[in-house]
Amino acid sequence: MDNFTAAFSNFANFNDRATRTQFWMFSLIYVAVSLAIAIIEYVLQIPGMLGLVFSLVMLVPMLAYGARRLHDMGRSGWWQLLVIIPLGAIVLIVMLCLATKPESVEKYQLQKV
């Protein structure tokens, strides 16, 4: 839950790095909350407004976490635009699963100084 709450304190930071664990724990909690909202909407027989509001609130933190995860691998955050093209989401998921590149750590530390 710390990764999820940390996303809001750092929600618009597109410049740092995020480890695989941080990104995937945030994504897991995001999916769990979305699923819980969908179940609540189904049980209460209300339209999908709660899910829509939650998705809109989480849009910027999810993009920021994705960009930071890609930076951890030495890639640009713009690679997230792969979801626009067919099968691009699969390529992006594979990229998000890759390990940290040591040279990206050194590159990032040099840029911060």
PDB file of N, CA and C in Angstrom:
ATOM      1  N   MET A   1       0.814  -1.188   0.000  1.00  0.00           N
ATOM      2  CA  MET A   1       0.000   0.000   0.000  1.00  0.00           C
ATOM      3  C   MET A   1       0.866   1.264   0.000  1.00  0.00           C
ATOM      4  N   ASP A   2       2.123   1.127   0.465  1.00  0.00           N
ATOM      5  CA  ASP A   2       3.012   2.287   0.489  1.00  0.00           C
ATOM      6  C   ASP A   2       3.311   2.796  -0.912  1.00  0.00           C
ATOM      7  N   ASN A   3       3.467   1.875  -1.869  1.00  0.00           N
ATOM      8  CA  ASN A   3       3.732   2.278  -3.248  1.00  0.00           C
ATOM      9  C   ASN A   3       2.555   3.050  -3.827  1.00  0.00           C
ATOM     10  N   PHE A   4       1.364   2.647  -3.441  1.00  0.00           N
ATOM     11  CA  PHE A   4       0.166   3.300  -3.962  1.00  0.00           C
ATOM     12  C   PHE A   4       0.030   4.712  -3.407  1.00  0.00           C
ATOM     13  N   THR A   5       0.245   4.882  -2.100  1.00  0.00           N
ATOM     14  CA  THR A   5       0.145   6.215  -1.499  1.00  0.00           C
ATOM     15  C   THR A   5       1.325   7.088  -1.907  1.00  0.00           C
ATOM     16  N   ALA A   6       2.496   6.478  -2.116  1.00  0.00           N
ATOM     17  CA  ALA A   6       3.659   7.247  -2.560  1.00  0.00           C
ATOM     18  C   ALA A   6       3.439   7.821  -3.947  1.00  0.00           C
ATOM     19  N   ALA A   7       2.602   7.170  -4.737  1.00  0.00           N
ATOM     20  CA  ALA A   7       2.319   7.670  -6.086  1.00  0.00           C
ATOM     21  C   ALA A   7       1.643   9.033  -6.029  1.00  0.00           C
ATOM     22  N   PHE A   8       0.864   9.273  -4.997  1.00  0.00           N
ATOM     23  CA  PHE A   8       0.168  10.555  -4.905  1.00  0.00           C
ATOM     24  C   PHE A   8       1.072  11.657  -4.370  1.00  0.00           C
ATOM     25  N   SER A   9       2.032  11.327  -3.540  1.00  0.00           N
ATOM     26  CA  SER A   9       2.961  12.353  -3.069  1.00  0.00           C
ATOM     27  C   SER A   9       3.963  12.717  -4.163  1.00  0.00           C
ATOM     28  N   ASN A  10       4.098  11.855  -5.138  1.00  0.00           N
ATOM     29  CA  ASN A  10       5.068  12.030  -6.216  1.00  0.00           C
ATOM     30  C   ASN A  10       4.370  11.874  -7.561  1.00  0.00           C
ATOM     31  N   PHE A  11       3.102  12.298  -7.643  1.00  0.00           N
ATOM     32  CA  PHE A  11       2.247  11.907  -8.762  1.00  0.00           C
ATOM     33  C   PHE A  11       2.622  12.530 -10.098  1.00  0.00           C
ATOM     34  N   ALA A  12       3.266  13.662 -10.117  1.00  0.00           N
ATOM     35  CA  ALA A  12       3.579  14.304 -11.391  1.00  0.00           C
ATOM     36  C   ALA A  12       5.073  14.313 -11.688  1.00  0.00           C
ATOM     37  N   ASN A  13       5.809  13.450 -11.010  1.00  0.00           N
ATOM     38  CA  ASN A  13       7.250  13.374 -11.217  1.00  0.00           C
ATOM     39  C   ASN A  13       7.532  12.384 -12.341  1.00  0.00           C
ATOM     40  N   PHE A  14       7.903  12.907 -13.485  1.00  0.00           N
ATOM     41  CA  PHE A  14       8.200  12.068 -14.634  1.00  0.00           C
ATOM     42  C   PHE A  14       9.708  11.895 -14.830  1.00  0.00           C
ATOM     43  N   ASN A  15      10.529  12.352 -13.867  1.00  0.00           N
ATOM     44  CA  ASN A  15      11.970  12.383 -14.069  1.00  0.00           C
ATOM     45  C   ASN A  15      12.755  11.356 -13.282  1.00  0.00           C
ATOM     46  N   ASP A  16      12.226  10.821 -12.213  1.00  0.00           N
ATOM     47  CA  ASP A  16      12.968   9.866 -11.399  1.00  0.00           C
ATOM     48  C   ASP A  16      12.906   8.473 -11.989  1.00  0.00           C
ATOM     49  N   ARG A  17      13.170   7.491 -11.131  1.00  0.00           N
ATOM     50  CA  ARG A  17      13.161   6.097 -11.541  1.00  0.00           C
ATOM     51  C   ARG A  17      12.261   5.317 -10.607  1.00  0.00           C
ATOM     52  N   ALA A  18      11.703   4.224 -11.086  1.00  0.00           N
ATOM     53  CA  ALA A  18      10.882   3.327 -10.274  1.00  0.00           C
ATOM     54  C   ALA A  18      11.322   1.897 -10.547  1.00  0.00           C
ATOM     55  N   THR A  19      11.500   1.133  -9.497  1.00  0.00           N
ATOM     56  CA  THR A  19      11.918  -0.260  -9.665  1.00  0.00           C
ATOM     57  C   THR A  19      10.744  -1.096 -10.161  1.00  0.00           C
ATOM     58  N   ARG A  20      11.062  -2.314 -10.555  1.00  0.00           N
ATOM     59  CA  ARG A  20      10.002  -3.230 -10.998  1.00  0.00           C
ATOM     60  C   ARG A  20       8.993  -3.457  -9.891  1.00  0.00           C
ATOM     61  N   THR A  21       9.481  -3.673  -8.673  1.00  0.00           N
ATOM     62  CA  THR A  21       8.581  -3.930  -7.554  1.00  0.00           C
ATOM     63  C   THR A  21       7.658  -2.757  -7.303  1.00  0.00           C
ATOM     64  N   GLN A  22       8.197  -1.550  -7.294  1.00  0.00           N
ATOM     65  CA  GLN A  22       7.369  -0.368  -7.069  1.00  0.00           C
ATOM     66  C   GLN A  22       6.283  -0.251  -8.133  1.00  0.00           C
ATOM     67  N   PHE A  23       6.666  -0.393  -9.395  1.00  0.00           N
ATOM     68  CA  PHE A  23       5.704  -0.240 -10.476  1.00  0.00           C
ATOM     69  C   PHE A  23       4.628  -1.310 -10.436  1.00  0.00           C
ATOM     70  N   TRP A  24       5.027  -2.578 -10.285  1.00  0.00           N
ATOM     71  CA  TRP A  24       4.042  -3.661 -10.351  1.00  0.00           C
ATOM     72  C   TRP A  24       3.176  -3.725  -9.111  1.00  0.00           C
ATOM     73  N   MET A  25       3.681  -3.330  -7.947  1.00  0.00           N
ATOM     74  CA  MET A  25       2.821  -3.268  -6.764  1.00  0.00           C
ATOM     75  C   MET A  25       1.781  -2.155  -6.921  1.00  0.00           C
ATOM     76  N   PHE A  26       2.193  -1.024  -7.463  1.00  0.00           N
ATOM     77  CA  PHE A  26       1.251   0.057  -7.743  1.00  0.00           C
ATOM     78  C   PHE A  26       0.189  -0.420  -8.736  1.00  0.00           C
ATOM     79  N   SER A  27       0.621  -1.115  -9.777  1.00  0.00           N
ATOM     80  CA  SER A  27      -0.319  -1.606 -10.781  1.00  0.00           C
ATOM     81  C   SER A  27      -1.272  -2.641 -10.205  1.00  0.00           C
ATOM     82  N   LEU A  28      -0.765  -3.513  -9.352  1.00  0.00           N
ATOM     83  CA  LEU A  28      -1.604  -4.535  -8.719  1.00  0.00           C
ATOM     84  C   LEU A  28      -2.686  -3.895  -7.852  1.00  0.00           C
ATOM     85  N   ILE A  29      -2.313  -2.912  -7.055  1.00  0.00           N
ATOM     86  CA  ILE A  29      -3.299  -2.232  -6.211  1.00  0.00           C
ATOM     87  C   ILE A  29      -4.297  -1.468  -7.069  1.00  0.00           C
ATOM     88  N   TYR A  30      -3.823  -0.860  -8.147  1.00  0.00           N
ATOM     89  CA  TYR A  30      -4.709  -0.149  -9.064  1.00  0.00           C
ATOM     90  C   TYR A  30      -5.764  -1.090  -9.648  1.00  0.00           C
ATOM     91  N   VAL A  31      -5.336  -2.260 -10.094  1.00  0.00           N
ATOM     92  CA  VAL A  31      -6.270  -3.234 -10.665  1.00  0.00           C
ATOM     93  C   VAL A  31      -7.232  -3.748  -9.596  1.00  0.00           C
ATOM     94  N   ALA A  32      -6.727  -3.988  -8.384  1.00  0.00           N
ATOM     95  CA  ALA A  32      -7.587  -4.479  -7.305  1.00  0.00           C
ATOM     96  C   ALA A  32      -8.661  -3.458  -6.943  1.00  0.00           C
ATOM     97  N   VAL A  33      -8.280  -2.201  -6.850  1.00  0.00           N
ATOM     98  CA  VAL A  33      -9.260  -1.152  -6.534  1.00  0.00           C
ATOM     99  C   VAL A  33     -10.252  -1.001  -7.683  1.00  0.00           C
ATOM    100  N   SER A  34      -9.778  -1.067  -8.915  1.00  0.00           N
ATOM    101  CA  SER A  34     -10.686  -0.978 -10.068  1.00  0.00           C
ATOM    102  C   SER A  34     -11.682  -2.128 -10.073  1.00  0.00           C
ATOM    103  N   LEU A  35     -11.216  -3.314  -9.758  1.00  0.00           N
ATOM    104  CA  LEU A  35     -12.088  -4.485  -9.695  1.00  0.00           C
ATOM    105  C   LEU A  35     -13.117  -4.332  -8.571  1.00  0.00           C
ATOM    106  N   ALA A  36     -12.679  -3.831  -7.419  1.00  0.00           N
ATOM    107  CA  ALA A  36     -13.605  -3.614  -6.299  1.00  0.00           C
ATOM    108  C   ALA A  36     -14.669  -2.582  -6.666  1.00  0.00           C
ATOM    109  N   ILE A  37     -14.268  -1.537  -7.350  1.00  0.00           N
ATOM    110  CA  ILE A  37     -15.235  -0.513  -7.779  1.00  0.00           C
ATOM    111  C   ILE A  37     -16.219  -1.110  -8.779  1.00  0.00           C
ATOM    112  N   ALA A  38     -15.736  -1.926  -9.696  1.00  0.00           N
ATOM    113  CA  ALA A  38     -16.628  -2.559 -10.676  1.00  0.00           C
ATOM    114  C   ALA A  38     -17.635  -3.478  -9.993  1.00  0.00           C
ATOM    115  N   ILE A  39     -17.187  -4.215  -8.985  1.00  0.00           N
ATOM    116  CA  ILE A  39     -18.105  -5.092  -8.248  1.00  0.00           C
ATOM    117  C   ILE A  39     -19.147  -4.270  -7.492  1.00  0.00           C
ATOM    118  N   ILE A  40     -18.719  -3.203  -6.859  1.00  0.00           N
ATOM    119  CA  ILE A  40     -19.654  -2.333  -6.136  1.00  0.00           C
ATOM    120  C   ILE A  40     -20.673  -1.737  -7.097  1.00  0.00           C
ATOM    121  N   GLU A  41     -20.209  -1.292  -8.252  1.00  0.00           N
ATOM    122  CA  GLU A  41     -21.136  -0.727  -9.241  1.00  0.00           C
ATOM    123  C   GLU A  41     -22.133  -1.781  -9.730  1.00  0.00           C
ATOM    124  N   TYR A  42     -21.677  -3.021  -9.893  1.00  0.00           N
ATOM    125  CA  TYR A  42     -22.566  -4.082 -10.349  1.00  0.00           C
ATOM    126  C   TYR A  42     -23.595  -4.426  -9.283  1.00  0.00           C
ATOM    127  N   VAL A  43     -23.157  -4.548  -8.050  1.00  0.00           N
ATOM    128  CA  VAL A  43     -24.063  -4.913  -6.965  1.00  0.00           C
ATOM    129  C   VAL A  43     -25.102  -3.824  -6.731  1.00  0.00           C
ATOM    130  N   LEU A  44     -24.665  -2.579  -6.762  1.00  0.00           N
ATOM    131  CA  LEU A  44     -25.579  -1.462  -6.544  1.00  0.00           C
ATOM    132  C   LEU A  44     -26.342  -1.072  -7.806  1.00  0.00           C
ATOM    133  N   GLN A  45     -26.015  -1.698  -8.917  1.00  0.00           N
ATOM    134  CA  GLN A  45     -26.643  -1.438 -10.213  1.00  0.00           C
ATOM    135  C   GLN A  45     -26.620   0.050 -10.576  1.00  0.00           C
ATOM    136  N   ILE A  46     -25.424   0.623 -10.459  1.00  0.00           N
ATOM    137  CA  ILE A  46     -25.244   2.024 -10.849  1.00  0.00           C
ATOM    138  C   ILE A  46     -24.350   2.047 -12.085  1.00  0.00           C
ATOM    139  N   PRO A  47     -24.468   3.098 -12.886  1.00  0.00           N
ATOM    140  CA  PRO A  47     -23.605   3.172 -14.080  1.00  0.00           C
ATOM    141  C   PRO A  47     -22.140   3.316 -13.680  1.00  0.00           C
ATOM    142  N   GLY A  48     -21.247   3.180 -14.635  1.00  0.00           N
ATOM    143  CA  GLY A  48     -19.810   3.160 -14.380  1.00  0.00           C
ATOM    144  C   GLY A  48     -19.166   4.488 -14.059  1.00  0.00           C
ATOM    145  N   MET A  49     -19.848   5.366 -13.385  1.00  0.00           N
ATOM    146  CA  MET A  49     -19.280   6.684 -13.084  1.00  0.00           C
ATOM    147  C   MET A  49     -18.146   6.607 -12.065  1.00  0.00           C
ATOM    148  N   LEU A  50     -18.268   5.746 -11.059  1.00  0.00           N
ATOM    149  CA  LEU A  50     -17.197   5.635 -10.060  1.00  0.00           C
ATOM    150  C   LEU A  50     -15.914   5.131 -10.711  1.00  0.00           C
ATOM    151  N   GLY A  51     -16.024   4.140 -11.550  1.00  0.00           N
ATOM    152  CA  GLY A  51     -14.857   3.607 -12.249  1.00  0.00           C
ATOM    153  C   GLY A  51     -14.227   4.637 -13.168  1.00  0.00           C
ATOM    154  N   LEU A  52     -15.062   5.410 -13.832  1.00  0.00           N
ATOM    155  CA  LEU A  52     -14.557   6.452 -14.720  1.00  0.00           C
ATOM    156  C   LEU A  52     -13.808   7.526 -13.941  1.00  0.00           C
ATOM    157  N   VAL A  53     -14.387   7.958 -12.829  1.00  0.00           N
ATOM    158  CA  VAL A  53     -13.738   8.982 -12.000  1.00  0.00           C
ATOM    159  C   VAL A  53     -12.418   8.453 -11.451  1.00  0.00           C
ATOM    160  N   PHE A  54     -12.424   7.211 -10.956  1.00  0.00           N
ATOM    161  CA  PHE A  54     -11.185   6.614 -10.440  1.00  0.00           C
ATOM    162  C   PHE A  54     -10.125   6.534 -11.536  1.00  0.00           C
ATOM    163  N   SER A  55     -10.501   6.125 -12.726  1.00  0.00           N
ATOM    164  CA  SER A  55      -9.544   6.021 -13.834  1.00  0.00           C
ATOM    165  C   SER A  55      -8.969   7.381 -14.213  1.00  0.00           C
ATOM    166  N   LEU A  56      -9.804   8.395 -14.211  1.00  0.00           N
ATOM    167  CA  LEU A  56      -9.318   9.739 -14.545  1.00  0.00           C
ATOM    168  C   LEU A  56      -8.386  10.282 -13.468  1.00  0.00           C
ATOM    169  N   VAL A  57      -8.709  10.006 -12.202  1.00  0.00           N
ATOM    170  CA  VAL A  57      -7.847  10.454 -11.107  1.00  0.00           C
ATOM    171  C   VAL A  57      -6.492   9.752 -11.182  1.00  0.00           C
ATOM    172  N   MET A  58      -6.493   8.493 -11.571  1.00  0.00           N
ATOM    173  CA  MET A  58      -5.268   7.695 -11.587  1.00  0.00           C
ATOM    174  C   MET A  58      -4.479   7.806 -12.889  1.00  0.00           C
ATOM    175  N   LEU A  59      -4.965   8.549 -13.868  1.00  0.00           N
ATOM    176  CA  LEU A  59      -4.300   8.638 -15.165  1.00  0.00           C
ATOM    177  C   LEU A  59      -2.887   9.216 -15.051  1.00  0.00           C
ATOM    178  N   VAL A  60      -2.753  10.375 -14.430  1.00  0.00           N
ATOM    179  CA  VAL A  60      -1.431  11.014 -14.337  1.00  0.00           C
ATOM    180  C   VAL A  60      -0.471  10.197 -13.468  1.00  0.00           C
ATOM    181  N   PRO A  61      -0.896   9.706 -12.272  1.00  0.00           N
ATOM    182  CA  PRO A  61       0.046   8.873 -11.506  1.00  0.00           C
ATOM    183  C   PRO A  61       0.484   7.617 -12.253  1.00  0.00           C
ATOM    184  N   MET A  62      -0.419   7.000 -13.007  1.00  0.00           N
ATOM    185  CA  MET A  62      -0.047   5.790 -13.748  1.00  0.00           C
ATOM    186  C   MET A  62       0.942   6.127 -14.867  1.00  0.00           C
ATOM    187  N   LEU A  63       0.720   7.221 -15.574  1.00  0.00           N
ATOM    188  CA  LEU A  63       1.670   7.626 -16.619  1.00  0.00           C
ATOM    189  C   LEU A  63       3.022   7.988 -16.015  1.00  0.00           C
ATOM    190  N   ALA A  64       3.018   8.660 -14.853  1.00  0.00           N
ATOM    191  CA  ALA A  64       4.274   9.039 -14.202  1.00  0.00           C
ATOM    192  C   ALA A  64       5.037   7.804 -13.736  1.00  0.00           C
ATOM    193  N   TYR A  65       4.329   6.841 -13.129  1.00  0.00           N
ATOM    194  CA  TYR A  65       4.993   5.611 -12.703  1.00  0.00           C
ATOM    195  C   TYR A  65       5.546   4.853 -13.903  1.00  0.00           C
ATOM    196  N   GLY A  66       4.802   4.806 -14.997  1.00  0.00           N
ATOM    197  CA  GLY A  66       5.285   4.143 -16.201  1.00  0.00           C
ATOM    198  C   GLY A  66       6.531   4.806 -16.759  1.00  0.00           C
ATOM    199  N   ALA A  67       6.540   6.134 -16.770  1.00  0.00           N
ATOM    200  CA  ALA A  67       7.714   6.861 -17.269  1.00  0.00           C
ATOM    201  C   ALA A  67       8.920   6.618 -16.370  1.00  0.00           C
ATOM    202  N   ARG A  68       8.705   6.640 -15.060  1.00  0.00           N
ATOM    203  CA  ARG A  68       9.820   6.384 -14.143  1.00  0.00           C
ATOM    204  C   ARG A  68      10.325   4.953 -14.271  1.00  0.00           C
ATOM    205  N   ARG A  69       9.427   3.999 -14.520  1.00  0.00           N
ATOM    206  CA  ARG A  69       9.854   2.606 -14.714  1.00  0.00           C
ATOM    207  C   ARG A  69      10.685   2.475 -15.990  1.00  0.00           C
ATOM    208  N   LEU A  70      10.259   3.149 -17.048  1.00  0.00           N
ATOM    209  CA  LEU A  70      11.030   3.115 -18.295  1.00  0.00           C
ATOM    210  C   LEU A  70      12.380   3.804 -18.119  1.00  0.00           C
ATOM    211  N   HIS A  71      12.442   4.875 -17.337  1.00  0.00           N
ATOM    212  CA  HIS A  71      13.721   5.536 -17.067  1.00  0.00           C
ATOM    213  C   HIS A  71      14.670   4.591 -16.339  1.00  0.00           C
ATOM    214  N   ASP A  72      14.124   3.707 -15.498  1.00  0.00           N
ATOM    215  CA  ASP A  72      14.942   2.753 -14.759  1.00  0.00           C
ATOM    216  C   ASP A  72      15.642   1.780 -15.696  1.00  0.00           C
ATOM    217  N   MET A  73      15.099   1.627 -16.887  1.00  0.00           N
ATOM    218  CA  MET A  73      15.707   0.742 -17.875  1.00  0.00           C
ATOM    219  C   MET A  73      16.498   1.512 -18.928  1.00  0.00           C
ATOM    220  N   GLY A  74      16.618   2.812 -18.729  1.00  0.00           N
ATOM    221  CA  GLY A  74      17.384   3.619 -19.676  1.00  0.00           C
ATOM    222  C   GLY A  74      16.598   4.026 -20.909  1.00  0.00           C
ATOM    223  N   ARG A  75      15.273   3.978 -20.843  1.00  0.00           N
ATOM    224  CA  ARG A  75      14.423   4.350 -21.980  1.00  0.00           C
ATOM    225  C   ARG A  75      13.653   5.625 -21.663  1.00  0.00           C
ATOM    226  N   SER A  76      13.142   6.239 -22.685  1.00  0.00           N
ATOM    227  CA  SER A  76      12.336   7.440 -22.533  1.00  0.00           C
ATOM    228  C   SER A  76      10.915   7.067 -22.120  1.00  0.00           C
ATOM    229  N   GLY A  77      10.267   7.955 -21.383  1.00  0.00           N
ATOM    230  CA  GLY A  77       8.882   7.736 -20.989  1.00  0.00           C
ATOM    231  C   GLY A  77       7.926   7.764 -22.160  1.00  0.00           C
ATOM    232  N   TRP A  78       8.362   8.315 -23.264  1.00  0.00           N
ATOM    233  CA  TRP A  78       7.517   8.382 -24.455  1.00  0.00           C
ATOM    234  C   TRP A  78       7.223   7.005 -25.042  1.00  0.00           C
ATOM    235  N   TRP A  79       7.964   5.984 -24.621  1.00  0.00           N
ATOM    236  CA  TRP A  79       7.703   4.629 -25.094  1.00  0.00           C
ATOM    237  C   TRP A  79       6.313   4.157 -24.693  1.00  0.00           C
ATOM    238  N   GLN A  80       5.685   4.830 -23.742  1.00  0.00           N
ATOM    239  CA  GLN A  80       4.332   4.461 -23.336  1.00  0.00           C
ATOM    240  C   GLN A  80       3.327   4.644 -24.471  1.00  0.00           C
ATOM    241  N   LEU A  81       3.681   5.435 -25.458  1.00  0.00           N
ATOM    242  CA  LEU A  81       2.798   5.647 -26.607  1.00  0.00           C
ATOM    243  C   LEU A  81       2.657   4.392 -27.469  1.00  0.00           C
ATOM    244  N   LEU A  82       3.415   3.349 -27.155  1.00  0.00           N
ATOM    245  CA  LEU A  82       3.271   2.090 -27.889  1.00  0.00           C
ATOM    246  C   LEU A  82       1.867   1.515 -27.759  1.00  0.00           C
ATOM    247  N   VAL A  83       1.141   1.876 -26.707  1.00  0.00           N
ATOM    248  CA  VAL A  83      -0.204   1.323 -26.524  1.00  0.00           C
ATOM    249  C   VAL A  83      -1.148   1.786 -27.623  1.00  0.00           C
ATOM    250  N   ILE A  84      -0.772   2.799 -28.362  1.00  0.00           N
ATOM    251  CA  ILE A  84      -1.622   3.316 -29.441  1.00  0.00           C
ATOM    252  C   ILE A  84      -1.652   2.368 -30.635  1.00  0.00           C
ATOM    253  N   ILE A  85      -0.530   1.716 -30.907  1.00  0.00           N
ATOM    254  CA  ILE A  85      -0.456   0.857 -32.090  1.00  0.00           C
ATOM    255  C   ILE A  85      -0.885  -0.571 -31.737  1.00  0.00           C
ATOM    256  N   PRO A  86      -1.342  -1.336 -32.717  1.00  0.00           N
ATOM    257  CA  PRO A  86      -1.726  -2.726 -32.451  1.00  0.00           C
ATOM    258  C   PRO A  86      -0.538  -3.532 -31.921  1.00  0.00           C
ATOM    259  N   LEU A  87      -0.789  -4.337 -30.924  1.00  0.00           N
ATOM    260  CA  LEU A  87       0.200  -5.171 -30.250  1.00  0.00           C
ATOM    261  C   LEU A  87       1.273  -4.367 -29.521  1.00  0.00           C
ATOM    262  N   GLY A  88       1.166  -3.061 -29.515  1.00  0.00           N
ATOM    263  CA  GLY A  88       2.139  -2.228 -28.810  1.00  0.00           C
ATOM    264  C   GLY A  88       2.058  -2.387 -27.307  1.00  0.00           C
ATOM    265  N   ALA A  89       0.851  -2.652 -26.791  1.00  0.00           N
ATOM    266  CA  ALA A  89       0.692  -2.841 -25.346  1.00  0.00           C
ATOM    267  C   ALA A  89       1.462  -4.064 -24.879  1.00  0.00           C
ATOM    268  N   ILE A  90       1.495  -5.104 -25.698  1.00  0.00           N
ATOM    269  CA  ILE A  90       2.242  -6.314 -25.324  1.00  0.00           C
ATOM    270  C   ILE A  90       3.734  -6.007 -25.264  1.00  0.00           C
ATOM    271  N   VAL A  91       4.229  -5.264 -26.234  1.00  0.00           N
ATOM    272  CA  VAL A  91       5.648  -4.878 -26.250  1.00  0.00           C
ATOM    273  C   VAL A  91       5.964  -4.029 -25.025  1.00  0.00           C
ATOM    274  N   LEU A  92       5.071  -3.106 -24.684  1.00  0.00           N
ATOM    275  CA  LEU A  92       5.290  -2.242 -23.534  1.00  0.00           C
ATOM    276  C   LEU A  92       5.303  -3.047 -22.239  1.00  0.00           C
ATOM    277  N   ILE A  93       4.400  -4.003 -22.093  1.00  0.00           N
ATOM    278  CA  ILE A  93       4.370  -4.839 -20.885  1.00  0.00           C
ATOM    279  C   ILE A  93       5.665  -5.627 -20.753  1.00  0.00           C
ATOM    280  N   VAL A  94       6.158  -6.155 -21.860  1.00  0.00           N
ATOM    281  CA  VAL A  94       7.434  -6.881 -21.824  1.00  0.00           C
ATOM    282  C   VAL A  94       8.550  -5.940 -21.403  1.00  0.00           C
ATOM    283  N   MET A  95       8.564  -4.734 -21.936  1.00  0.00           N
ATOM    284  CA  MET A  95       9.595  -3.757 -21.570  1.00  0.00           C
ATOM    285  C   MET A  95       9.513  -3.407 -20.087  1.00  0.00           C
ATOM    286  N   LEU A  96       8.304  -3.273 -19.551  1.00  0.00           N
ATOM    287  CA  LEU A  96       8.134  -2.927 -18.145  1.00  0.00           C
ATOM    288  C   LEU A  96       8.556  -4.065 -17.217  1.00  0.00           C
ATOM    289  N   CYS A  97       8.634  -5.273 -17.742  1.00  0.00           N
ATOM    290  CA  CYS A  97       9.053  -6.431 -16.944  1.00  0.00           C
ATOM    291  C   CYS A  97      10.562  -6.625 -16.928  1.00  0.00           C
ATOM    292  N   LEU A  98      11.278  -5.934 -17.788  1.00  0.00           N
ATOM    293  CA  LEU A  98      12.726  -6.123 -17.873  1.00  0.00           C
ATOM    294  C   LEU A  98      13.423  -5.571 -16.637  1.00  0.00           C
ATOM    295  N   ALA A  99      14.616  -6.077 -16.373  1.00  0.00           N
ATOM    296  CA  ALA A  99      15.388  -5.663 -15.203  1.00  0.00           C
ATOM    297  C   ALA A  99      16.011  -4.284 -15.423  1.00  0.00           C
ATOM    298  N   THR A 100      16.435  -3.702 -14.314  1.00  0.00           N
ATOM    299  CA  THR A 100      17.128  -2.419 -14.342  1.00  0.00           C
ATOM    300  C   THR A 100      18.458  -2.570 -15.062  1.00  0.00           C
ATOM    301  N   LYS A 101      18.792  -1.579 -15.861  1.00  0.00           N
ATOM    302  CA  LYS A 101      20.086  -1.589 -16.533  1.00  0.00           C
ATOM    303  C   LYS A 101      21.070  -0.783 -15.686  1.00  0.00           C
ATOM    304  N   PRO A 102      22.213  -1.365 -15.332  1.00  0.00           N
ATOM    305  CA  PRO A 102      23.180  -0.656 -14.484  1.00  0.00           C
ATOM    306  C   PRO A 102      23.653   0.665 -15.089  1.00  0.00           C
ATOM    307  N   GLU A 103      23.792   0.714 -16.405  1.00  0.00           N
ATOM    308  CA  GLU A 103      24.252   1.962 -17.021  1.00  0.00           C
ATOM    309  C   GLU A 103      23.218   3.073 -16.897  1.00  0.00           C
ATOM    310  N   SER A 104      21.943   2.725 -16.787  1.00  0.00           N
ATOM    311  CA  SER A 104      20.926   3.758 -16.597  1.00  0.00           C
ATOM    312  C   SER A 104      21.004   4.349 -15.197  1.00  0.00           C
ATOM    313  N   VAL A 105      21.463   3.561 -14.228  1.00  0.00           N
ATOM    314  CA  VAL A 105      21.641   4.064 -12.869  1.00  0.00           C
ATOM    315  C   VAL A 105      22.738   5.119 -12.860  1.00  0.00           C
ATOM    316  N   GLU A 106      23.862   4.803 -13.507  1.00  0.00           N
ATOM    317  CA  GLU A 106      24.962   5.757 -13.569  1.00  0.00           C
ATOM    318  C   GLU A 106      24.561   7.000 -14.351  1.00  0.00           C
ATOM    319  N   LYS A 107      23.855   6.833 -15.440  1.00  0.00           N
ATOM    320  CA  LYS A 107      23.403   7.952 -16.261  1.00  0.00           C
ATOM    321  C   LYS A 107      22.488   8.861 -15.464  1.00  0.00           C
ATOM    322  N   TYR A 108      21.577   8.260 -14.713  1.00  0.00           N
ATOM    323  CA  TYR A 108      20.652   9.052 -13.922  1.00  0.00           C
ATOM    324  C   TYR A 108      21.373   9.802 -12.814  1.00  0.00           C
ATOM    325  N   GLN A 109      22.341   9.170 -12.151  1.00  0.00           N
ATOM    326  CA  GLN A 109      23.069   9.825 -11.070  1.00  0.00           C
ATOM    327  C   GLN A 109      23.888  10.989 -11.595  1.00  0.00           C
ATOM    328  N   LEU A 110      24.445  10.852 -12.799  1.00  0.00           N
ATOM    329  CA  LEU A 110      25.209  11.947 -13.390  1.00  0.00           C
ATOM    330  C   LEU A 110      24.311  13.123 -13.734  1.00  0.00           C
ATOM    331  N   GLN A 111      23.075  12.842 -14.185  1.00  0.00           N
ATOM    332  CA  GLN A 111      22.149  13.909 -14.538  1.00  0.00           C
ATOM    333  C   GLN A 111      21.657  14.646 -13.312  1.00  0.00           C
ATOM    334  N   LYS A 112      21.536  13.966 -12.169  1.00  0.00           N
ATOM    335  CA  LYS A 112      21.024  14.587 -10.960  1.00  0.00           C
ATOM    336  C   LYS A 112      22.018  15.562 -10.340  1.00  0.00           C
ATOM    337  N   VAL A 113      23.324  15.366 -10.595  1.00  0.00           N
ATOM    338  CA  VAL A 113      24.358  16.203  -9.970  1.00  0.00           C
ATOM    339  C   VAL A 113      24.452  17.535 -10.597  1.00  0.00           C
TER     340      VAL A 113
END
